[in-house]
C-alpha atoms as a PDB file:
ATOM      1  CA  MET A   1     -12.839   5.602   2.336  1.00  0.00           C
ATOM      2  CA  ILE A   2      -9.713   4.627   0.550  1.00  0.00           C
ATOM      3  CA  TYR A   3     -10.533   2.788  -2.595  1.00  0.00           C
ATOM      4  CA  PHE A   4      -8.450   0.772  -4.898  1.00  0.00           C
ATOM      5  CA  VAL A   5      -9.711   0.521  -8.396  1.00  0.00           C
ATOM      6  CA  ARG A   6      -7.816  -1.703 -10.787  1.00  0.00           C
ATOM      7  CA  VAL A   7      -7.722  -2.206 -14.625  1.00  0.00           C
ATOM      8  CA  TYR A   8     -10.029  -5.257 -15.019  1.00  0.00           C
ATOM      9  CA  SER A   9      -8.290  -8.558 -15.711  1.00  0.00           C
ATOM     10  CA  GLU A  10      -9.703 -12.185 -16.124  1.00  0.00           C
ATOM     11  CA  ASN A  11      -6.704 -13.098 -13.777  1.00  0.00           C
ATOM     12  CA  GLN A  12      -7.722 -12.258 -10.405  1.00  0.00           C
ATOM     13  CA  ASP A  13      -4.354 -13.105  -8.850  1.00  0.00           C
ATOM     14  CA  LEU A  14      -2.242  -9.990  -8.563  1.00  0.00           C
ATOM     15  CA  ARG A  15       0.777 -11.966  -8.119  1.00  0.00           C
ATOM     16  CA  ILE A  16       0.778 -12.989 -11.895  1.00  0.00           C
ATOM     17  CA  GLY A  17       1.460 -10.564 -14.627  1.00  0.00           C
ATOM     18  CA  GLU A  18       0.820  -6.889 -13.974  1.00  0.00           C
ATOM     19  CA  THR A  19      -2.042  -4.459 -13.369  1.00  0.00           C
ATOM     20  CA  PHE A  20      -2.512  -0.818 -12.569  1.00  0.00           C
ATOM     21  CA  LEU A  21      -4.268   0.338  -9.314  1.00  0.00           C
ATOM     22  CA  LYS A  22      -5.879   3.779  -8.851  1.00  0.00           C
ATOM     23  CA  ILE A  23      -5.467   4.392  -4.942  1.00  0.00           C
ATOM     24  CA  GLY A  24      -7.664   7.243  -4.066  1.00  0.00           C
ATOM     25  CA  TYR A  25      -9.919   8.827  -1.377  1.00  0.00           C
ATOM     26  CA  SER A  26     -13.483   9.532  -1.410  1.00  0.00           C
ATOM     27  CA  SER A  27     -15.897  10.366   1.320  1.00  0.00           C
ATOM     28  CA  ASN A  28     -18.562   8.381  -0.485  1.00  0.00           C
ATOM     29  CA  GLY A  29     -16.544   5.217  -1.323  1.00  0.00           C
ATOM     30  CA  GLY A  30     -14.881   3.936  -4.287  1.00  0.00           C
ATOM     31  CA  GLN A  31     -18.203   2.843  -6.121  1.00  0.00           C
ATOM     32  CA  SER A  32     -19.171   6.553  -6.429  1.00  0.00           C
ATOM     33  CA  ARG A  33     -15.836   7.235  -8.148  1.00  0.00           C
ATOM     34  CA  LEU A  34     -15.845   4.238 -10.521  1.00  0.00           C
ATOM     35  CA  GLY A  35     -18.056   5.834 -13.078  1.00  0.00           C
ATOM     36  CA  SER A  36     -16.082   8.998 -13.578  1.00  0.00           C
ATOM     37  CA  LEU A  37     -12.833   7.100 -13.608  1.00  0.00           C
ATOM     38  CA  GLN A  38     -14.331   4.650 -16.174  1.00  0.00           C
ATOM     39  CA  ALA A  39     -15.423   7.632 -18.417  1.00  0.00           C
ATOM     40  CA  GLY A  40     -11.715   8.736 -18.942  1.00  0.00           C
ATOM     41  CA  ASN A  41     -10.284   5.231 -19.257  1.00  0.00           C
ATOM     42  CA  PRO A  42     -10.442   3.022 -22.269  1.00  0.00           C
ATOM     43  CA  ASP A  43      -9.718  -0.165 -20.167  1.00  0.00           C
ATOM     44  CA  LYS A  44     -12.373  -1.697 -18.103  1.00  0.00           C
ATOM     45  CA  LEU A  45     -11.990  -0.746 -14.506  1.00  0.00           C
ATOM     46  CA  GLU A  46     -13.391  -2.524 -11.404  1.00  0.00           C
ATOM     47  CA  LEU A  47     -13.364  -1.548  -7.620  1.00  0.00           C
ATOM     48  CA  PHE A  48     -10.996  -4.083  -6.187  1.00  0.00           C
ATOM     49  CA  PHE A  49     -11.380  -3.272  -2.530  1.00  0.00           C
ATOM     50  CA  GLU A  50     -11.940  -0.246  -0.096  1.00  0.00           C
ATOM     51  CA  VAL A  51     -10.907   0.454   3.577  1.00  0.00           C
ATOM     52  CA  TYR A  52     -11.765   3.059   6.110  1.00  0.00           C
ATOM     53  CA  GLY A  53      -9.426   6.063   5.966  1.00  0.00           C
ATOM     54  CA  ASP A  54      -8.936   9.693   5.197  1.00  0.00           C
ATOM     55  CA  LYS A  55      -6.855  11.987   3.114  1.00  0.00           C
ATOM     56  CA  ASP A  56      -3.871  11.251   5.456  1.00  0.00           C
ATOM     57  CA  THR A  57      -4.324   7.515   4.882  1.00  0.00           C
ATOM     58  CA  GLU A  58      -4.460   8.103   1.142  1.00  0.00           C
ATOM     59  CA  CYS A  59      -1.148  10.132   1.306  1.00  0.00           C
ATOM     60  CA  LEU A  60       0.445   7.280   3.464  1.00  0.00           C
ATOM     61  CA  VAL A  61      -0.610   4.616   0.931  1.00  0.00           C
ATOM     62  CA  HIS A  62       0.680   6.686  -2.024  1.00  0.00           C
ATOM     63  CA  LYS A  63       4.072   7.198  -0.192  1.00  0.00           C
ATOM     64  CA  TYR A  64       4.154   3.339   0.501  1.00  0.00           C
ATOM     65  CA  PHE A  65       3.957   2.677  -3.118  1.00  0.00           C
ATOM     66  CA  SER A  66       5.763   5.776  -4.354  1.00  0.00           C
ATOM     67  CA  GLU A  67       8.486   3.710  -6.287  1.00  0.00           C
ATOM     68  CA  ASP A  68       5.604   2.057  -8.255  1.00  0.00           C
ATOM     69  CA  ARG A  69       3.812   5.283  -9.193  1.00  0.00           C
ATOM     70  CA  VAL A  70       2.988   5.596 -13.047  1.00  0.00           C
ATOM     71  CA  ASN A  71       1.030   8.711 -13.062  1.00  0.00           C
ATOM     72  CA  GLY A  72      -0.877  10.748 -10.493  1.00  0.00           C
ATOM     73  CA  GLU A  73      -2.658   8.241  -8.337  1.00  0.00           C
ATOM     74  CA  TRP A  74      -2.055   5.135 -10.543  1.00  0.00           C
ATOM     75  CA  PHE A  75       0.365   2.572  -9.498  1.00  0.00           C
ATOM     76  CA  LYS A  76       1.731  -0.544 -11.188  1.00  0.00           C
ATOM     77  CA  ILE A  77       1.515  -3.696  -9.240  1.00  0.00           C
ATOM     78  CA  ASN A  78       3.307  -6.911 -10.404  1.00  0.00           C
ATOM     79  CA  GLU A  79       4.972 -10.087  -9.275  1.00  0.00           C
ATOM     80  CA  ASN A  80       8.158  -7.969  -8.086  1.00  0.00           C
ATOM     81  CA  ASN A  81       6.255  -5.582  -5.794  1.00  0.00           C
ATOM     82  CA  TYR A  82       3.196  -7.666  -4.947  1.00  0.00           C
ATOM     83  CA  LYS A  83       4.632  -8.699  -1.689  1.00  0.00           C
ATOM     84  CA  TYR A  84       4.380  -5.151  -0.292  1.00  0.00           C
ATOM     85  CA  PHE A  85       0.713  -4.894  -1.590  1.00  0.00           C
ATOM     86  CA  ASP A  86      -0.109  -8.354   0.348  1.00  0.00           C
ATOM     87  CA  ILE A  87       1.752  -7.337   3.468  1.00  0.00           C
ATOM     88  CA  MET A  88      -0.351  -4.069   3.491  1.00  0.00           C
ATOM     89  CA  LEU A  89      -3.647  -6.127   2.999  1.00  0.00           C
ATOM     90  CA  HIS A  90      -2.600  -8.263   6.084  1.00  0.00           C
ATOM     91  CA  PHE A  91      -2.159  -5.124   8.162  1.00  0.00           C
ATOM     92  CA  PHE A  92      -5.554  -3.687   6.977  1.00  0.00           C
ATOM     93  CA  ASP A  93      -7.051  -7.036   8.139  1.00  0.00           C
ATOM     94  CA  TYR A  94      -5.289  -6.624  11.602  1.00  0.00           C
ATOM     95  CA  ALA A  95      -6.528  -3.009  11.807  1.00  0.00           C
ATOM     96  CA  TYR A  96     -10.284  -4.278  11.358  1.00  0.00           C
ATOM     97  CA  ARG A  97      -9.765  -7.153  13.917  1.00  0.00           C
ATOM     98  CA  SER A  98      -8.223  -4.795  16.387  1.00  0.00           C
ATOM     99  CA  ALA A  99     -11.300  -2.271  16.075  1.00  0.00           C
ATOM    100  CA  ASN A 100     -13.727  -5.200  16.244  1.00  0.00           C
ATOM    101  CA  GLU A 101     -12.417  -6.090  19.758  1.00  0.00           C
ATOM    102  CA  LEU A 102     -13.819  -2.763  20.944  1.00  0.00           C
ATOM    103  CA  LYS A 103     -17.266  -3.205  22.439  1.00  0.00           C
ATOM    104  CA  ASN A 104     -20.376  -0.911  22.390  1.00  0.00           C
ATOM    105  CA  ILE A 105     -18.958   1.993  20.115  1.00  0.00           C
ATOM    106  CA  ASP A 106     -20.761   3.770  17.493  1.00  0.00           C
ATOM    107  CA  GLU A 107     -20.113   3.470  13.712  1.00  0.00           C
ATOM    108  CA  GLU A 108     -18.212   6.665  13.521  1.00  0.00           C
ATOM    109  CA  THR A 109     -15.956   5.811  16.393  1.00  0.00           C
ATOM    110  CA  TYR A 110     -15.281   2.310  15.087  1.00  0.00           C
ATOM    111  CA  ASN A 111     -14.371   3.897  11.504  1.00  0.00           C
ATOM    112  CA  LYS A 112     -12.031   6.207  13.189  1.00  0.00           C
ATOM    113  CA  LYS A 113     -10.415   3.540  15.078  1.00  0.00           C
ATOM    114  CA  VAL A 114      -9.862   1.466  11.927  1.00  0.00           C
ATOM    115  CA  ALA A 115      -8.491   4.521  10.027  1.00  0.00           C
ATOM    116  CA  GLU A 116      -6.161   5.185  13.025  1.00  0.00           C
ATOM    117  CA  GLU A 117      -4.785   1.593  13.118  1.00  0.00           C
ATOM    118  CA  ILE A 118      -4.313   1.672   9.324  1.00  0.00           C
ATOM    119  CA  ASN A 119      -2.396   4.733   9.397  1.00  0.00           C
ATOM    120  CA  LYS A 120      -0.060   3.438  12.080  1.00  0.00           C
ATOM    121  CA  SER A 121       0.324   0.202  10.065  1.00  0.00           C
ATOM    122  CA  ILE A 122       1.228   1.994   6.797  1.00  0.00           C
ATOM    123  CA  ASP A 123       3.568   4.328   8.698  1.00  0.00           C
ATOM    124  CA  PHE A 124       5.392   1.195  10.037  1.00  0.00           C
ATOM    125  CA  LEU A 125       5.284  -0.458   6.677  1.00  0.00           C
ATOM    126  CA  ILE A 126       6.997   2.639   5.115  1.00  0.00           C
ATOM    127  CA  LYS A 127       9.765   2.280   7.610  1.00  0.00           C
ATOM    128  CA  LEU A 128      10.105  -1.420   7.106  1.00  0.00           C
ATOM    129  CA  LYS A 129      10.326  -0.944   3.320  1.00  0.00           C
ATOM    130  CA  ARG A 130      13.013   1.675   3.805  1.00  0.00           C
ATOM    131  CA  TYR A 131      14.872  -0.467   6.243  1.00  0.00           C
ATOM    132  CA  ASN A 132      14.736  -3.413   3.652  1.00  0.00           C
ATOM    133  CA  SER A 133      15.975  -1.201   0.852  1.00  0.00           C
ATOM    134  CA  PHE A 134      18.923   0.099   2.854  1.00  0.00           C
ATOM    135  CA  LYS A 135      19.760  -3.527   4.118  1.00  0.00           C
ATOM    136  CA  GLU A 136      19.606  -4.745   0.474  1.00  0.00           C
ATOM    137  CA  LYS A 137      22.061  -2.069  -0.820  1.00  0.00           C
ATOM    138  CA  ALA A 138      24.341  -2.500   2.111  1.00  0.00           C
ATOM    139  CA  ASP A 139      24.406  -6.422   1.477  1.00  0.00           C
ATOM    140  CA  GLN A 140      25.509  -5.543  -2.152  1.00  0.00           C
ATOM    141  CA  GLN A 141      28.394  -3.419  -1.058  1.00  0.00           C
ATOM    142  CA  ASP A 142      31.928  -4.847  -1.066  1.00  0.00           C
ATOM    143  CA  PHE A 143      33.508  -4.009   2.348  1.00  0.00           C
ATOM    144  CA  SER A 144      36.578  -6.268   1.757  1.00  0.00           C
ATOM    145  CA  HIS A 145      38.794  -3.159   1.543  1.00  0.00           C
ATOM    146  CA  LEU A 146      37.761  -2.471   5.160  1.00  0.00           C
ATOM    147  CA  GLU A 147      39.061  -5.718   6.285  1.00  0.00           C
ATOM    148  CA  ASP A 148      42.453  -5.051   4.634  1.00  0.00           C
ATOM    149  CA  MET A 149      42.570  -1.743   6.494  1.00  0.00           C
ATOM    150  CA  ALA A 150      41.869  -3.522   9.791  1.00  0.00           C
ATOM    151  CA  GLY A 151      44.593  -6.009   8.976  1.00  0.00           C
ATOM    152  CA  ASP A 152      47.048  -3.100   8.634  1.00  0.00           C
ATOM    153  CA  GLY A 153      46.246  -2.097  12.204  1.00  0.00           C
ATOM    154  CA  ILE A 154      44.044   0.981  11.251  1.00  0.00           C
END
């Protein structure tokens, strides 16, 4: 299971303010890790949510949020990067709905299918985020000098 533990806040809306998320993997789920994480943290922590996944899934999610890494497996989520978090949640929902369309499968096969769909989704989101970053940088460039050169017959 991939778990998302956050520093507790009265504010449940991640789009407002900022919080820190621990994104990790545990074969027993996030609840099993919460106690040991809490012991080493002065702030109150809560299990925000968890999804099926393996160590590969964890690595992909870490890569997706790499620009927001604070330390180790802790990431900062705020109003500036919340959109990426929100998009990821929508893709997780899609992965579950996809797996639910399969009929007569055992729980292990179901979990593997969900994890597979989540991995594909995160890989796509990483590529999309890179593209958007490249596009934003390109949009900020001044290419007027190329137009001058084109006007000179070059």
